[in-house]
Amino acid sequence: MTIEIRLHPSIDLIPEATWDALDGVADAPFLSWAFLDTLEKTGCVGEDAGWLPHHLTIWEDDQLIGAAPAYLKGNSDGEFVFDHGWAGAAARAGIEYYPKLVVAVPFTPASASRLLVKNPADRPRLMPILAEALRRIVAGERLSSAHVLFPTEVESNLLADAGFCQRYGIQFQWKNEGYATFEDYLSRFSSKRRNQIRRERKEMDKQGITITTVRDRLSPALVDNVYDFYAATVDKFSWGRHYLNRAFFEEIAARLPGKIEVVLAREGDKLLGGAFNIGGTKTLYGRYWGAFEDRPFLHFNVCFYHSIDDCIARGLERFEPGAGGRHKMVRGFEPTITHSAHHLAHPGLDRAVREFLERERTVQLESAEAARADGLAFK
């Protein structure tokens, strides 16, 4: 049997049905062909954006058996696994850090398979092949490095076995422990915290605010609102960047109906704010939120409580509300280790990064364990 690695400068060079049939797509619609194609077609990725498609496929006897979304990067923007310090160290040492190669979904800090495979049992066999392919691409194209961002823990460990160095991050995620109702979920909290959450939820009734989820095709007006939510939040921060444009939201809502979920908060006919989420078969991924007015507890209800209640009703296993935010812990989101794996071609830079990551992993593990041991998520 012959293994062949192919590189593709656009996702549309890979058959959509073949890509979407691979294991790993169903619970992570942002890995779907339509999602990646929409990013390309609307100009959110490309040379001007600093994300140049460089997708990788693995073939065995002319049969597609594996694929990974990959991009050549001229910067470190929109990755959420921050290596700016590594780039700075490389520059001081006279090492060219860009371009580099990333295996990731642009602007999406959500954990899921990064090697999509035809046969799930093949993943352990194919991960070392992916690792070697990434090393050869780095060497052949004179790149500084390859980075696999937000893979599963299993994939990260397999890449580490193949010689990549591992990095740990922390996100705050909700896990469904078999709850039958939201009140069942609240029973895990202390009495003080339970009553606080109930008061925060009741505040919506006091203000006359209703919260609903839309999963059908979104109207043009609603797409405008979704983009405005996104833009309003980005504009609040000096470091914010408009990675996505309105065309992206319009296209993805039309192409992934039922998987794109928009949570809307209204006071009568007036739209106050909302959130843009992506729903998989087991996991809900919270992506963007925004509000036209500041209202007490609106954010917690739109971004957390409403979707937790919805996850319980639908039997979803996990809710990933996005990066950052220790305030999520007091609302039941638990510290969860996220993963990335890295190959740096320069021996000196590789050695320095490995030493740093060994210390950083210890800190991240201790921090997550201390929070869990202290029970902060349910106090």
Protein backbone atom coordinates (compact mmCIF):
# COMPACT_ATOMS: atom_id res chain seq x y z
CA MET A 1 0.00 0.00 0.00
CA THR A 2 1.25 3.47 -0.94
CA ILE A 3 0.72 6.58 1.21
CA GLU A 4 0.64 9.93 -0.59
CA ILE A 5 0.40 13.43 0.91
CA ARG A 6 -1.25 16.14 -1.18
CA LEU A 7 -1.47 19.88 -0.53
CA HIS A 8 -4.39 22.02 -1.68
CA PRO A 9 -4.41 25.84 -1.97
CA SER A 10 -8.20 25.86 -1.66
CA ILE A 11 -10.77 23.63 0.00
CA ASP A 12 -12.81 23.55 -3.22
CA LEU A 13 -10.12 21.33 -4.77
CA ILE A 14 -11.26 18.58 -2.39
CA PRO A 15 -14.71 17.01 -3.01
CA GLU A 16 -17.21 18.30 -0.44
CA ALA A 17 -18.98 14.98 0.14
CA THR A 18 -15.68 13.16 0.59
CA TRP A 19 -14.41 15.71 3.13
CA ASP A 20 -17.67 15.79 5.10
CA ALA A 21 -17.82 11.99 5.29
CA LEU A 22 -14.62 11.95 7.34
CA ASP A 23 -14.80 11.26 11.06
CA GLY A 24 -14.56 14.39 13.17
CA VAL A 25 -16.85 16.69 11.19
CA ALA A 26 -20.27 15.76 12.62
CA ASP A 27 -19.72 17.16 16.11
CA ALA A 28 -17.69 20.13 14.92
CA PRO A 29 -19.48 21.88 12.02
CA PHE A 30 -16.70 24.47 11.87
CA LEU A 31 -14.61 21.63 10.39
CA SER A 32 -17.13 21.08 7.62
CA TRP A 33 -16.29 21.76 3.99
CA ALA A 34 -18.98 24.46 3.83
CA PHE A 35 -17.58 26.36 6.82
CA LEU A 36 -14.01 26.34 5.51
CA ASP A 37 -15.17 27.17 1.99
CA THR A 38 -17.26 30.08 3.26
CA LEU A 39 -14.22 31.54 5.00
CA GLU A 40 -12.37 31.38 1.68
CA LYS A 41 -15.19 32.55 -0.58
CA THR A 42 -15.99 35.61 1.56
CA GLY A 43 -12.35 36.67 1.85
CA CYS A 44 -12.06 36.13 5.60
CA VAL A 45 -9.04 33.94 4.88
CA GLY A 46 -6.55 34.37 2.09
CA GLU A 47 -3.26 36.11 1.48
CA ASP A 48 -4.54 39.53 2.54
CA ALA A 49 -5.86 38.09 5.83
CA GLY A 50 -2.61 36.32 6.64
CA TRP A 51 -4.29 32.90 6.40
CA LEU A 52 -3.31 31.23 3.12
CA PRO A 53 -5.08 27.86 2.64
CA HIS A 54 -2.63 24.96 2.51
CA HIS A 55 -4.91 22.02 3.26
CA LEU A 56 -3.38 18.59 3.62
CA THR A 57 -4.85 15.26 2.55
CA ILE A 58 -3.59 11.71 3.03
CA TRP A 59 -4.25 9.14 0.33
CA GLU A 60 -3.74 5.39 0.37
CA ASP A 61 -3.97 3.60 -2.96
CA ASP A 62 -5.79 6.64 -4.40
CA GLN A 63 -8.38 6.61 -1.60
CA LEU A 64 -8.73 9.64 0.67
CA ILE A 65 -8.16 8.35 4.20
CA GLY A 66 -7.31 11.55 6.09
CA ALA A 67 -7.39 15.34 5.85
CA ALA A 68 -6.42 18.35 7.92
CA PRO A 69 -7.34 22.03 7.48
CA ALA A 70 -4.06 23.92 7.25
CA TYR A 71 -2.87 27.44 6.50
CA LEU A 72 0.36 29.28 5.83
CA LYS A 73 0.53 32.18 8.28
CA GLY A 74 2.36 35.47 7.93
CA ASN A 75 1.40 36.49 11.46
CA SER A 76 0.00 34.96 14.65
CA ASP A 77 -3.39 36.68 14.59
CA GLY A 78 -6.67 34.86 15.13
CA GLU A 79 -5.12 31.67 16.52
CA PHE A 80 -5.81 31.91 20.29
CA VAL A 81 -2.69 29.89 21.07
CA PHE A 82 -0.38 32.81 21.56
CA ASP A 83 3.15 32.41 20.25
CA HIS A 84 4.02 36.10 19.90
CA GLY A 85 6.71 35.62 22.54
CA TRP A 86 8.26 32.85 20.48
CA ALA A 87 8.20 35.06 17.40
CA GLY A 88 9.87 37.84 19.38
CA ALA A 89 12.57 35.51 20.67
CA ALA A 90 13.17 34.26 17.13
CA ALA A 91 13.52 37.82 15.84
CA ARG A 92 16.05 38.69 18.54
CA ALA A 93 18.05 35.60 17.57
CA GLY A 94 17.92 36.50 13.88
CA ILE A 95 15.57 33.63 13.03
CA GLU A 96 12.75 34.16 10.53
CA TYR A 97 9.56 33.03 12.29
CA TYR A 98 7.11 33.77 9.49
CA PRO A 99 5.78 32.19 7.40
CA LYS A 100 4.73 29.25 9.51
CA LEU A 101 2.17 26.46 9.05
CA VAL A 102 -0.86 25.97 11.28
CA VAL A 103 -3.34 23.10 11.34
CA ALA A 104 -6.38 24.85 12.71
CA VAL A 105 -9.76 26.39 12.01
CA PRO A 106 -9.29 30.16 11.62
CA PHE A 107 -10.55 32.34 14.48
CA THR A 108 -12.05 29.30 16.27
CA PRO A 109 -10.56 28.34 19.66
CA ALA A 110 -12.62 25.17 19.94
CA SER A 111 -11.25 21.69 20.59
CA ALA A 112 -12.02 18.96 18.06
CA SER A 113 -10.21 16.52 15.79
CA ARG A 114 -7.58 18.13 13.61
CA LEU A 115 -6.91 14.99 11.59
CA LEU A 116 -10.17 13.96 9.96
CA VAL A 117 -10.10 10.29 9.03
CA LYS A 118 -12.16 7.92 6.93
CA ASN A 119 -11.83 5.18 9.56
CA PRO A 120 -11.64 6.28 13.23
CA ALA A 121 -9.52 3.24 14.05
CA ASP A 122 -6.88 4.61 11.66
CA ARG A 123 -6.21 7.80 13.61
CA PRO A 124 -3.37 6.34 15.77
CA ARG A 125 -1.71 5.01 12.61
CA LEU A 126 -2.12 8.25 10.67
CA MET A 127 -1.10 10.80 13.30
CA PRO A 128 2.64 9.95 13.00
CA ILE A 129 2.23 10.21 9.22
CA LEU A 130 0.70 13.67 9.68
CA ALA A 131 3.58 14.65 11.98
CA GLU A 132 6.18 13.55 9.44
CA ALA A 133 4.29 15.28 6.62
CA LEU A 134 4.27 18.55 8.58
CA ARG A 135 8.01 18.27 9.24
CA ARG A 136 8.67 17.70 5.54
CA ILE A 137 6.48 20.63 4.51
CA VAL A 138 8.34 22.89 6.95
CA ALA A 139 11.70 21.75 5.59
CA GLY A 140 10.68 21.74 1.93
CA GLU A 141 9.02 25.15 1.98
CA ARG A 142 11.58 26.71 4.34
CA LEU A 143 9.04 27.49 7.04
CA SER A 144 9.99 28.05 10.66
CA SER A 145 7.47 25.73 12.24
CA ALA A 146 4.21 23.80 12.21
CA HIS A 147 1.51 24.17 14.86
CA VAL A 148 -1.53 21.97 15.45
CA LEU A 149 -4.01 24.07 17.43
CA PHE A 150 -6.87 22.79 19.60
CA PRO A 151 -6.61 19.10 18.70
CA THR A 152 -8.11 16.46 20.96
CA GLU A 153 -6.01 15.24 23.87
CA VAL A 154 -5.53 11.90 22.11
CA GLU A 155 -4.24 13.61 18.97
CA SER A 156 -1.94 15.87 20.99
CA ASN A 157 -0.45 12.88 22.81
CA LEU A 158 0.08 11.03 19.53
CA LEU A 159 1.87 14.06 18.08
CA ALA A 160 4.03 14.26 21.20
CA ASP A 161 4.94 10.60 20.72
CA ALA A 162 5.94 11.56 17.17
CA GLY A 163 8.33 14.25 18.44
CA PHE A 164 6.18 17.40 18.63
CA CYS A 165 6.23 19.47 21.81
CA GLN A 166 2.95 19.93 23.69
CA ARG A 167 1.32 23.04 25.03
CA TYR A 168 -1.54 23.22 27.52
CA GLY A 169 -4.09 25.97 27.81
CA ILE A 170 -7.16 26.41 30.00
CA GLN A 171 -10.74 27.06 28.99
CA PHE A 172 -13.87 27.01 31.12
CA GLN A 173 -16.36 24.50 29.79
CA TRP A 174 -19.71 23.11 30.91
CA LYS A 175 -20.15 19.34 31.12
CA ASN A 176 -23.51 17.60 31.26
CA GLU A 177 -23.46 15.15 34.17
CA GLY A 178 -26.76 13.61 33.14
CA TYR A 179 -28.94 16.50 34.30
CA ALA A 180 -32.68 16.14 33.67
CA THR A 181 -33.53 19.81 34.24
CA PHE A 182 -31.84 23.12 34.93
CA GLU A 183 -32.91 22.79 38.57
CA ASP A 184 -31.18 19.42 38.63
CA TYR A 185 -28.04 21.18 37.47
CA LEU A 186 -28.45 23.90 40.11
CA SER A 187 -28.54 21.27 42.85
CA ARG A 188 -24.75 20.94 42.48
CA PHE A 189 -24.22 24.51 43.67
CA SER A 190 -24.05 25.83 47.19
CA SER A 191 -27.32 27.34 48.44
CA LYS A 192 -25.90 30.86 48.12
CA ARG A 193 -24.77 30.41 44.55
CA ARG A 194 -27.94 28.55 43.57
CA ASN A 195 -30.10 31.41 44.79
CA GLN A 196 -27.90 33.96 43.03
CA ILE A 197 -28.31 32.20 39.67
CA ARG A 198 -32.06 31.96 40.18
CA ARG A 199 -32.20 35.71 40.88
CA GLU A 200 -30.14 36.45 37.77
CA ARG A 201 -32.48 34.37 35.62
CA LYS A 202 -35.62 35.93 37.14
CA GLU A 203 -34.22 39.36 36.36
CA MET A 204 -35.07 38.75 32.70
CA ASP A 205 -38.77 38.39 33.60
CA LYS A 206 -38.62 41.51 35.74
CA GLN A 207 -37.22 43.47 32.80
CA GLY A 208 -39.71 41.95 30.35
CA ILE A 209 -36.94 40.27 28.37
CA THR A 210 -37.53 37.05 26.45
CA ILE A 211 -34.70 34.85 25.19
CA THR A 212 -35.12 32.43 22.30
CA THR A 213 -32.95 30.38 19.94
CA VAL A 214 -33.30 30.52 16.14
CA ARG A 215 -31.94 27.55 14.18
CA ASP A 216 -33.78 27.89 10.88
CA ARG A 217 -32.54 30.00 8.01
CA LEU A 218 -31.86 33.53 9.19
CA SER A 219 -33.51 36.49 7.49
CA PRO A 220 -31.26 39.19 5.98
CA ALA A 221 -32.32 41.55 8.78
CA LEU A 222 -31.33 39.02 11.41
CA VAL A 223 -27.98 38.43 9.69
CA ASP A 224 -27.42 42.18 9.93
CA ASN A 225 -28.15 41.99 13.65
CA VAL A 226 -25.76 39.06 14.13
CA TYR A 227 -22.97 40.91 12.38
CA ASP A 228 -23.72 44.02 14.44
CA PHE A 229 -23.46 41.94 17.65
CA TYR A 230 -20.10 40.65 16.53
CA ALA A 231 -18.81 44.06 15.45
CA ALA A 232 -20.01 45.79 18.62
CA THR A 233 -18.08 43.38 20.83
CA VAL A 234 -14.92 43.53 18.71
CA ASP A 235 -15.01 47.33 18.75
CA LYS A 236 -15.07 47.44 22.56
CA PHE A 237 -11.48 46.27 22.76
CA SER A 238 -8.38 48.00 21.45
CA TRP A 239 -6.97 44.64 20.35
CA GLY A 240 -10.18 43.56 18.62
CA ARG A 241 -10.08 42.77 14.92
CA HIS A 242 -12.88 42.21 12.44
CA TYR A 243 -11.73 38.83 11.18
CA LEU A 244 -15.20 38.04 9.83
CA ASN A 245 -17.34 40.15 7.49
CA ARG A 246 -21.08 40.35 7.01
CA ALA A 247 -20.91 38.15 3.92
CA PHE A 248 -19.52 35.33 6.04
CA PHE A 249 -22.48 35.39 8.43
CA GLU A 250 -24.95 35.54 5.56
CA GLU A 251 -23.34 32.65 3.69
CA ILE A 252 -22.77 30.37 6.67
CA ALA A 253 -26.32 30.83 7.95
CA ALA A 254 -27.62 29.74 4.54
CA ARG A 255 -25.18 26.86 4.13
CA LEU A 256 -25.38 25.35 7.60
CA PRO A 257 -29.05 25.70 8.63
CA GLY A 258 -29.81 23.92 11.88
CA LYS A 259 -26.15 24.00 12.91
CA ILE A 260 -25.94 27.78 13.21
CA GLU A 261 -27.80 28.84 16.34
CA VAL A 262 -28.61 32.43 17.20
CA VAL A 263 -29.76 33.28 20.71
CA LEU A 264 -31.85 36.45 20.75
CA ALA A 265 -32.87 38.66 23.68
CA ARG A 266 -35.87 40.93 23.12
CA GLU A 267 -37.84 43.40 25.14
CA GLY A 268 -41.15 43.32 23.33
CA ASP A 269 -40.30 44.00 19.70
CA LYS A 270 -36.97 45.60 20.55
CA LEU A 271 -33.86 43.48 20.00
CA LEU A 272 -31.39 43.95 22.84
CA GLY A 273 -28.61 41.52 22.01
CA GLY A 274 -27.74 37.99 21.10
CA ALA A 275 -25.17 35.28 20.59
CA PHE A 276 -23.96 33.32 17.57
CA ASN A 277 -23.37 29.64 18.39
CA ILE A 278 -22.53 26.49 16.43
CA GLY A 279 -24.19 23.21 17.33
CA GLY A 280 -22.69 19.76 16.85
CA THR A 281 -24.10 16.34 17.57
CA LYS A 282 -22.70 16.31 21.13
CA THR A 283 -21.35 19.78 21.75
CA LEU A 284 -22.55 23.37 21.59
CA TYR A 285 -19.86 25.91 20.70
CA GLY A 286 -20.42 29.50 21.79
CA ARG A 287 -18.70 31.89 19.42
CA TYR A 288 -19.81 35.55 19.39
CA TRP A 289 -22.06 37.72 21.48
CA GLY A 290 -23.05 41.37 21.50
CA ALA A 291 -25.66 43.76 22.88
CA PHE A 292 -27.18 47.02 21.73
CA GLU A 293 -27.96 47.98 25.34
CA ASP A 294 -26.34 47.19 28.66
CA ARG A 295 -28.83 45.39 30.89
CA PRO A 296 -28.15 43.73 34.24
CA PHE A 297 -27.37 40.01 33.84
CA LEU A 298 -28.21 40.02 30.12
CA HIS A 299 -24.84 38.56 29.17
CA PHE A 300 -25.05 35.71 31.68
CA ASN A 301 -28.52 34.75 30.52
CA VAL A 302 -27.88 34.98 26.78
CA CYS A 303 -24.43 33.37 26.77
CA PHE A 304 -24.67 30.91 29.66
CA TYR A 305 -27.96 30.04 31.32
CA HIS A 306 -30.19 29.88 28.25
CA SER A 307 -27.77 27.63 26.37
CA ILE A 308 -27.07 25.40 29.38
CA ASP A 309 -30.83 24.89 29.76
CA ASP A 310 -31.02 24.12 26.05
CA CYS A 311 -28.10 21.65 26.22
CA ILE A 312 -29.84 19.79 29.05
CA ALA A 313 -33.11 19.62 27.11
CA ARG A 314 -31.33 18.31 23.99
CA GLY A 315 -29.01 15.92 25.81
CA LEU A 316 -25.80 17.56 24.61
CA GLU A 317 -22.69 16.51 26.47
CA ARG A 318 -20.67 19.71 26.49
CA PHE A 319 -20.88 23.46 26.06
CA GLU A 320 -17.73 25.32 25.07
CA PRO A 321 -18.52 29.04 25.43
CA GLY A 322 -15.18 30.21 24.01
CA ALA A 323 -11.84 31.43 25.28
CA GLY A 324 -11.12 33.25 28.51
CA GLY A 325 -13.38 34.36 31.32
CA ARG A 326 -12.75 33.09 34.88
CA HIS A 327 -16.15 34.59 35.76
CA LYS A 328 -17.61 31.51 34.08
CA MET A 329 -16.45 29.33 36.96
CA VAL A 330 -18.97 30.65 39.47
CA ARG A 331 -21.67 29.71 36.95
CA GLY A 332 -20.62 26.10 36.71
CA PHE A 333 -18.04 26.13 33.93
CA GLU A 334 -15.10 23.99 34.94
CA PRO A 335 -11.41 24.54 34.12
CA THR A 336 -10.53 22.26 31.22
CA ILE A 337 -7.13 21.67 29.69
CA THR A 338 -6.88 22.45 25.97
CA HIS A 339 -4.06 21.24 23.78
CA SER A 340 -1.73 22.21 20.96
CA ALA A 341 1.33 20.55 19.43
CA HIS A 342 4.33 22.25 17.83
CA HIS A 343 7.32 21.50 15.63
CA LEU A 344 10.03 24.17 15.40
CA ALA A 345 12.73 23.58 12.83
CA HIS A 346 15.51 25.63 14.46
CA PRO A 347 17.18 23.47 17.14
CA GLY A 348 17.93 26.39 19.46
CA LEU A 349 14.43 27.83 19.26
CA ASP A 350 12.94 24.37 19.67
CA ARG A 351 15.01 23.76 22.80
CA ALA A 352 14.01 27.10 24.34
CA VAL A 353 10.32 26.57 23.57
CA ARG A 354 10.36 23.06 25.03
CA GLU A 355 11.91 24.33 28.27
CA PHE A 356 9.28 27.08 28.48
CA LEU A 357 6.42 24.68 27.76
CA GLU A 358 7.53 22.24 30.42
CA ARG A 359 7.23 24.98 33.04
CA GLU A 360 4.01 26.34 31.56
CA ARG A 361 2.32 22.92 31.51
CA THR A 362 3.06 22.47 35.21
CA VAL A 363 1.53 25.85 36.01
CA GLN A 364 -1.58 25.19 33.91
CA LEU A 365 -2.17 21.75 35.44
CA GLU A 366 -1.69 23.06 38.98
CA SER A 367 -4.00 25.99 38.33
CA ALA A 368 -6.76 23.82 36.91
CA GLU A 369 -6.42 21.21 39.64
CA ALA A 370 -6.44 23.82 42.41
CA ALA A 371 -9.64 25.35 41.03
CA ARG A 372 -11.30 21.94 40.78
CA ALA A 373 -10.15 20.91 44.26
CA ASP A 374 -11.45 24.14 45.73
CA GLY A 375 -14.79 23.56 44.02
CA LEU A 376 -14.92 27.10 42.70
CA ALA A 377 -17.25 26.10 39.87
CA PHE A 378 -20.03 25.18 42.27
CA LYS A 379 -19.45 27.33 45.36
